[in-house]
Amino acid sequence: METLVIRDVRKVFGDIEAVKGINFSVKEGEVFGLIGPNGSGKTTTLRMISTLLRLSSGSITVCGHDVAGSPDDVRKVISYLPEDAGAYKGLTGRAYLKFMAGFFAEGEEYERMVNKGIEIADLGERIDSKIETYSKGMARRVLIARAIMPSPKIAIMDEVTSGLDVINAYEIREIIRDIAKRGVTVLLSSHNMFEVDMLCDRIAMINEGRIILTGAPEDLKKQYKAANLEEVFVRAVKG
């Protein structure tokens, strides 16, 4: 079953066509990567899926809901974690998760959601420290927990390990794997080809606003007789 379907989607900013009639779909429970160089249209696409930007034309359907016609229904089944997301640094991790859970639930469901967020963050005693004392990796854990604890159908993550060291990036990837095992469809954008290869069931490569390749990482490496996805990426972008 397809949880996300994008058909002939375009986005125009004045005289600039940032996204030029793209098509791809994401299956239920899949980890799907949208990759491309800077300025290729990745983040614009994620923002349109997340209802933050209006489509110029085409259609996006999320779990059967049309993004343009039923944005409120779409927001109920997705979570979006942008690259530059931040948390309230004066709050503890626990207090932040409680604050955010209050937008989604109350009573027993609220308590369940908070406990789930704490479990996903997995910060031990540091969950009761202020976020301003966290490392970048610890703060990212809390943000991922915030995005996942409402049990979205689709989690959209933009450059989720950007700026993290090797250990923190590894731990975040483990969290994403666990999220997928729980049945959440994950759509992620990343410049890290190793990460994409490790995590994604399928990928779409976007360049200059157009999808130039789609497929499973292993299949694309065979198609291009490449040792890794980075090689595939460079050859595809350069034509």
Protein backbone atom coordinates (compact mmCIF):
# COMPACT_ATOMS: atom_id res chain seq x y z
CA MET A 1 0.00 0.00 0.00
CA GLU A 2 1.28 3.48 -0.88
CA THR A 3 1.14 6.05 1.92
CA LEU A 4 2.54 8.92 -0.17
CA VAL A 5 1.87 9.58 -3.83
CA ILE A 6 3.34 12.57 -5.70
CA ARG A 7 2.09 13.23 -9.22
CA ASP A 8 3.45 15.90 -11.60
CA VAL A 9 4.18 18.30 -8.73
CA ARG A 10 5.56 21.72 -9.57
CA LYS A 11 6.55 24.66 -7.40
CA VAL A 12 7.21 28.11 -8.81
CA PHE A 13 8.68 31.06 -6.92
CA GLY A 14 8.26 34.11 -9.15
CA ASP A 15 10.32 33.41 -12.26
CA ILE A 16 12.01 30.36 -10.74
CA GLU A 17 10.58 26.86 -11.15
CA ALA A 18 12.12 25.07 -8.16
CA VAL A 19 10.30 21.75 -8.65
CA LYS A 20 9.55 20.66 -12.22
CA GLY A 21 6.84 18.03 -12.45
CA ILE A 22 8.18 15.32 -10.14
CA ASN A 23 6.64 11.89 -9.60
CA PHE A 24 7.34 9.26 -6.95
CA SER A 25 5.53 7.22 -4.31
CA VAL A 26 6.41 5.77 -0.91
CA LYS A 27 5.09 2.46 0.40
CA GLU A 28 3.73 1.83 3.87
CA GLY A 29 6.51 0.98 6.36
CA GLU A 30 9.26 1.97 3.94
CA VAL A 31 12.34 4.07 4.65
CA PHE A 32 12.55 6.26 1.56
CA GLY A 33 15.37 8.68 0.80
CA LEU A 34 15.04 11.88 -1.23
CA ILE A 35 18.56 12.92 -2.16
CA GLY A 36 20.15 15.57 -4.33
CA PRO A 37 22.63 18.46 -4.36
CA ASN A 38 22.00 21.78 -2.64
CA GLY A 39 19.29 23.76 -4.38
CA SER A 40 17.89 20.68 -6.14
CA GLY A 41 14.38 21.02 -4.69
CA LYS A 42 14.60 18.48 -1.83
CA THR A 43 13.53 20.74 1.04
CA THR A 44 10.91 22.48 -1.11
CA THR A 45 9.40 19.07 -1.84
CA LEU A 46 9.40 18.05 1.82
CA ARG A 47 7.72 21.32 2.76
CA MET A 48 5.00 20.81 0.19
CA ILE A 49 4.35 17.29 1.49
CA SER A 50 4.23 18.73 5.03
CA THR A 51 1.62 21.35 3.97
CA LEU A 52 4.03 24.22 4.73
CA LEU A 53 4.20 25.27 1.07
CA ARG A 54 1.40 25.27 -1.47
CA LEU A 55 1.82 23.34 -4.70
CA SER A 56 1.84 25.38 -7.91
CA SER A 57 0.34 22.38 -9.72
CA GLY A 58 0.07 18.61 -9.51
CA SER A 59 -1.10 16.55 -6.55
CA ILE A 60 0.24 15.05 -3.33
CA THR A 61 -1.75 12.40 -1.47
CA VAL A 62 -0.78 11.35 2.06
CA CYS A 63 -2.58 8.30 3.47
CA GLY A 64 -5.45 9.01 1.10
CA HIS A 65 -5.68 12.72 2.01
CA ASP A 66 -5.02 15.40 -0.59
CA VAL A 67 -2.45 17.94 0.64
CA ALA A 68 -4.11 20.85 -1.16
CA GLY A 69 -7.71 19.94 -0.36
CA SER A 70 -7.40 18.44 3.14
CA PRO A 71 -4.26 19.87 4.79
CA ASP A 72 -5.64 19.45 8.33
CA ASP A 73 -6.19 15.73 7.74
CA VAL A 74 -2.65 15.42 6.39
CA ARG A 75 -1.18 17.13 9.46
CA LYS A 76 -2.85 14.54 11.68
CA VAL A 77 -0.90 11.68 10.12
CA ILE A 78 2.55 13.20 9.55
CA SER A 79 5.39 14.66 11.55
CA TYR A 80 8.04 16.93 10.04
CA LEU A 81 11.49 17.48 11.47
CA PRO A 82 13.34 20.17 9.48
CA GLU A 83 17.13 20.43 9.50
CA ASP A 84 17.05 23.67 11.51
CA ALA A 85 14.49 22.49 14.08
CA GLY A 86 15.09 23.65 17.64
CA ALA A 87 13.67 23.04 21.10
CA TYR A 88 13.01 25.37 24.03
CA LYS A 89 16.47 25.44 25.59
CA GLY A 90 15.28 26.67 28.99
CA LEU A 91 13.15 23.54 29.49
CA THR A 92 14.33 20.11 30.53
CA GLY A 93 13.95 17.33 28.01
CA ARG A 94 11.05 15.90 30.00
CA ALA A 95 9.31 19.26 30.31
CA TYR A 96 9.69 19.89 26.57
CA LEU A 97 8.14 16.53 25.68
CA LYS A 98 5.29 17.15 28.12
CA PHE A 99 4.69 20.58 26.62
CA MET A 100 4.58 19.21 23.08
CA ALA A 101 2.41 16.21 24.03
CA GLY A 102 -0.18 18.65 25.39
CA PHE A 103 -0.97 19.68 21.81
CA PHE A 104 -1.97 16.14 20.90
CA ALA A 105 -3.48 14.36 23.88
CA GLU A 106 -4.74 14.48 27.46
CA GLY A 107 -5.28 12.09 30.35
CA GLU A 108 -3.92 8.56 29.97
CA GLU A 109 -3.11 9.10 26.30
CA TYR A 110 -1.03 12.14 27.26
CA GLU A 111 0.95 10.12 29.83
CA ARG A 112 1.46 7.32 27.32
CA MET A 113 2.73 9.78 24.73
CA VAL A 114 5.18 11.41 27.13
CA ASN A 115 6.52 8.02 28.25
CA LYS A 116 6.95 7.00 24.63
CA GLY A 117 8.87 10.20 23.93
CA ILE A 118 11.17 9.60 26.91
CA GLU A 119 11.76 6.03 25.73
CA ILE A 120 12.67 7.16 22.21
CA ALA A 121 14.99 9.93 23.47
CA ASP A 122 16.75 7.39 25.71
CA LEU A 123 18.69 10.00 27.66
CA GLY A 124 18.54 8.36 31.09
CA GLU A 125 18.83 10.85 33.93
CA ARG A 126 19.75 13.62 31.49
CA ILE A 127 16.11 13.82 30.43
CA ASP A 128 15.70 16.06 33.50
CA SER A 129 18.57 18.37 32.53
CA LYS A 130 17.91 21.58 30.63
CA ILE A 131 18.15 21.30 26.86
CA GLU A 132 20.65 24.16 26.81
CA THR A 133 23.13 21.76 28.48
CA TYR A 134 22.67 19.05 25.83
CA SER A 135 25.10 18.17 23.10
CA LYS A 136 23.80 18.51 19.54
CA GLY A 137 23.21 14.77 19.41
CA MET A 138 21.22 14.76 22.65
CA ALA A 139 19.07 17.66 21.46
CA ARG A 140 18.42 15.83 18.17
CA ARG A 141 17.25 12.78 20.12
CA VAL A 142 14.67 14.89 21.94
CA LEU A 143 13.49 16.44 18.67
CA ILE A 144 13.09 13.02 17.06
CA ALA A 145 11.19 11.84 20.14
CA ARG A 146 8.90 14.86 19.83
CA ALA A 147 8.26 14.03 16.17
CA ILE A 148 7.54 10.33 16.75
CA MET A 149 5.67 10.19 20.07
CA PRO A 150 2.28 11.20 18.52
CA SER A 151 2.52 8.00 16.39
CA PRO A 152 2.48 9.56 12.91
CA LYS A 153 1.87 7.41 9.84
CA ILE A 154 4.74 9.19 8.07
CA ALA A 155 7.81 10.79 9.67
CA ILE A 156 9.51 13.35 7.40
CA MET A 157 13.10 14.16 8.37
CA ASP A 158 15.39 16.65 6.65
CA GLU A 159 19.17 16.11 7.15
CA VAL A 160 18.50 14.45 10.50
CA THR A 161 22.18 13.69 11.28
CA SER A 162 23.63 16.91 9.85
CA GLY A 163 26.51 18.23 11.98
CA LEU A 164 26.63 15.20 14.29
CA ASP A 165 29.77 13.24 15.10
CA VAL A 166 30.14 9.59 14.08
CA ILE A 167 28.79 8.09 17.30
CA ASN A 168 25.78 10.40 17.53
CA ALA A 169 24.97 9.90 13.84
CA TYR A 170 25.14 6.12 14.33
CA GLU A 171 22.80 6.29 17.32
CA ILE A 172 20.30 8.49 15.44
CA ARG A 173 20.30 5.99 12.56
CA GLU A 174 19.53 3.23 15.06
CA ILE A 175 16.56 5.25 16.31
CA ILE A 176 15.30 5.65 12.74
CA ARG A 177 15.60 1.90 12.16
CA ASP A 178 13.60 1.27 15.33
CA ILE A 179 10.95 3.78 14.22
CA ALA A 180 10.56 1.91 10.93
CA LYS A 181 10.24 -1.42 12.76
CA ARG A 182 7.34 0.11 14.71
CA GLY A 183 5.51 0.53 11.39
CA VAL A 184 6.17 4.23 10.76
CA THR A 185 6.91 5.17 7.15
CA VAL A 186 10.04 7.34 7.05
CA LEU A 187 10.81 9.89 4.34
CA LEU A 188 14.26 11.37 4.81
CA SER A 189 16.58 13.74 3.05
CA SER A 190 20.33 13.45 3.50
CA HIS A 191 23.60 14.43 1.86
CA ASN A 192 25.26 11.44 3.53
CA MET A 193 25.29 8.70 0.88
CA PHE A 194 26.61 6.12 3.36
CA GLU A 195 23.66 6.90 5.61
CA VAL A 196 21.18 6.66 2.74
CA ASP A 197 22.65 3.34 1.63
CA MET A 198 22.46 1.96 5.18
CA LEU A 199 18.93 3.13 5.95
CA CYS A 200 16.81 3.35 2.83
CA ASP A 201 14.75 0.66 1.15
CA ARG A 202 14.41 2.90 -1.91
CA ILE A 203 15.56 6.35 -2.96
CA ALA A 204 14.70 9.10 -5.43
CA MET A 205 17.45 11.37 -6.74
CA ILE A 206 16.39 14.92 -7.53
CA ASN A 207 18.49 17.39 -9.51
CA GLU A 208 17.52 20.87 -10.72
CA GLY A 209 13.93 20.21 -9.68
CA ARG A 210 13.55 16.91 -11.55
CA ILE A 211 13.64 13.29 -10.40
CA ILE A 212 16.46 11.64 -12.33
CA LEU A 213 16.57 8.20 -10.69
CA THR A 214 14.46 6.02 -8.41
CA GLY A 215 15.09 2.56 -7.05
CA ALA A 216 16.65 0.43 -4.33
CA PRO A 217 20.26 1.37 -3.50
CA GLU A 218 21.59 -2.06 -4.46
CA ASP A 219 19.77 -2.00 -7.80
CA LEU A 220 21.09 1.47 -8.63
CA LYS A 221 24.65 0.46 -7.78
CA LYS A 222 24.35 -2.53 -10.11
CA GLN A 223 22.81 -0.38 -12.85
CA TYR A 224 25.71 2.07 -12.71
CA LYS A 225 28.35 -0.60 -11.94
CA ALA A 226 29.26 1.55 -8.94
CA ALA A 227 30.87 0.59 -5.65
CA ASN A 228 28.70 2.97 -3.65
CA LEU A 229 25.78 5.37 -3.87
CA GLU A 230 28.06 8.38 -3.92
CA GLU A 231 29.42 7.17 -7.25
CA VAL A 232 25.89 6.63 -8.57
CA PHE A 233 24.91 10.09 -7.39
CA VAL A 234 27.84 11.84 -9.12
CA ARG A 235 27.39 9.95 -12.39
CA ALA A 236 23.63 10.55 -12.46
CA VAL A 237 23.93 14.27 -11.71
CA LYS A 238 26.67 14.75 -14.32
CA GLY A 239 24.66 12.85 -16.89
